[in-house]
């Protein structure tokens, strides 16, 4: 239960941090954003492609990718569940030392 609450709190904090991150020219993010999307229909990578953005980095997680090159509206209209600051990865990625 506590772990679930921590994840929800982490999403809320990351959402607030994301709201403070300003997009570049024409509302397009020029710095990476964590795009969280459903795993079906190609997952987050397909959402980024549909939005006209580009995946940043060599690997992707099942529900998220780091991406840039599209607007928040573009990502959301293409099916993104959340747009988060990349710092939110620390809430999702746990190493053996952290447990």
Protein backbone atom coordinates (compact mmCIF):
# COMPACT_ATOMS: atom_id res chain seq x y z
CA UNK A 1 0.00 0.00 0.00
CA UNK A 2 2.74 2.45 0.93
CA UNK A 3 4.59 1.73 -2.33
CA UNK A 4 1.46 2.47 -4.35
CA UNK A 5 0.93 5.74 -2.52
CA UNK A 6 4.54 6.71 -3.18
CA UNK A 7 4.10 6.11 -6.90
CA UNK A 8 0.91 8.20 -7.03
CA UNK A 9 2.58 10.98 -5.05
CA UNK A 10 5.57 10.76 -7.40
CA UNK A 11 3.31 11.16 -10.42
CA UNK A 12 1.68 14.22 -8.87
CA UNK A 13 5.04 15.82 -8.07
CA UNK A 14 6.34 15.05 -11.55
CA UNK A 15 3.19 16.51 -13.13
CA UNK A 16 3.69 19.76 -11.27
CA UNK A 17 7.35 19.81 -12.33
CA UNK A 18 6.29 19.16 -15.92
CA UNK A 19 3.88 22.10 -15.82
CA UNK A 20 6.82 24.31 -14.90
CA UNK A 21 8.89 23.06 -17.85
CA UNK A 22 8.34 25.50 -20.67
CA UNK A 23 8.07 24.24 -24.25
CA UNK A 24 10.19 25.89 -26.91
CA UNK A 25 9.08 27.69 -30.06
CA UNK A 26 5.50 27.00 -31.20
CA UNK A 27 4.79 24.95 -28.05
CA UNK A 28 7.19 22.18 -29.13
CA UNK A 29 9.41 20.69 -26.43
CA UNK A 30 13.06 21.25 -27.27
CA UNK A 31 14.22 19.32 -24.19
CA UNK A 32 13.30 15.70 -23.47
CA UNK A 33 10.00 14.87 -21.84
CA UNK A 34 8.96 11.50 -20.42
CA UNK A 35 5.98 10.30 -22.48
CA UNK A 36 3.90 7.66 -20.66
CA UNK A 37 1.42 5.81 -22.87
CA UNK A 38 -0.55 2.55 -22.99
CA UNK A 39 1.44 -0.49 -24.13
CA UNK A 40 -0.99 -1.50 -26.89
CA UNK A 41 -0.93 -0.24 -30.49
CA UNK A 42 2.82 0.32 -30.52
CA UNK A 43 3.14 1.85 -27.06
CA UNK A 44 4.80 5.12 -26.20
CA UNK A 45 7.10 4.94 -29.23
CA UNK A 46 4.08 4.92 -31.58
CA UNK A 47 2.51 7.84 -29.69
CA UNK A 48 5.67 9.89 -30.17
CA UNK A 49 5.80 9.05 -33.89
CA UNK A 50 2.12 9.96 -34.35
CA UNK A 51 2.74 13.29 -32.59
CA UNK A 52 5.61 14.08 -34.95
CA UNK A 53 8.23 13.85 -32.22
CA UNK A 54 11.40 11.82 -31.91
CA UNK A 55 12.43 9.24 -29.32
CA UNK A 56 15.59 10.24 -27.45
CA UNK A 57 17.93 7.49 -26.29
CA UNK A 58 18.75 3.96 -27.32
CA UNK A 59 16.25 2.07 -25.14
CA UNK A 60 12.63 2.42 -24.13
CA UNK A 61 10.56 1.06 -21.26
CA UNK A 62 7.28 -0.77 -21.92
CA UNK A 63 5.13 2.23 -20.96
CA UNK A 64 7.37 5.22 -21.56
CA UNK A 65 10.05 6.87 -23.68
CA UNK A 66 12.04 10.05 -23.52
CA UNK A 67 11.03 12.19 -26.46
CA UNK A 68 11.24 15.67 -27.90
CA UNK A 69 10.09 17.54 -31.01
CA UNK A 70 6.32 17.67 -30.47
CA UNK A 71 3.92 19.78 -28.43
CA UNK A 72 2.16 18.68 -25.26
CA UNK A 73 -1.14 18.78 -27.16
CA UNK A 74 0.36 16.67 -29.95
CA UNK A 75 1.54 14.02 -27.52
CA UNK A 76 -1.80 13.95 -25.69
CA UNK A 77 -3.90 13.85 -28.86
CA UNK A 78 -1.76 10.94 -30.05
CA UNK A 79 -2.61 8.95 -26.93
CA UNK A 80 -0.13 9.85 -24.18
CA UNK A 81 -1.42 9.21 -20.67
CA UNK A 82 1.09 11.52 -18.98
CA UNK A 83 3.87 13.92 -19.91
CA UNK A 84 6.42 14.07 -17.12
CA UNK A 85 9.72 15.65 -16.34
CA UNK A 86 12.51 13.13 -17.05
CA UNK A 87 13.43 13.33 -13.36
CA UNK A 88 10.30 11.25 -12.70
CA UNK A 89 12.27 8.19 -13.82
CA UNK A 90 13.71 7.95 -10.33
CA UNK A 91 10.20 7.12 -9.04
CA UNK A 92 9.78 4.25 -11.49
CA UNK A 93 13.27 2.79 -11.75
CA UNK A 94 14.43 1.03 -8.62
CA UNK A 95 17.82 -0.54 -8.24
CA UNK A 96 18.78 -3.36 -5.92
CA UNK A 97 20.52 -0.87 -3.60
CA UNK A 98 17.32 1.16 -3.17
CA UNK A 99 15.20 -1.78 -1.96
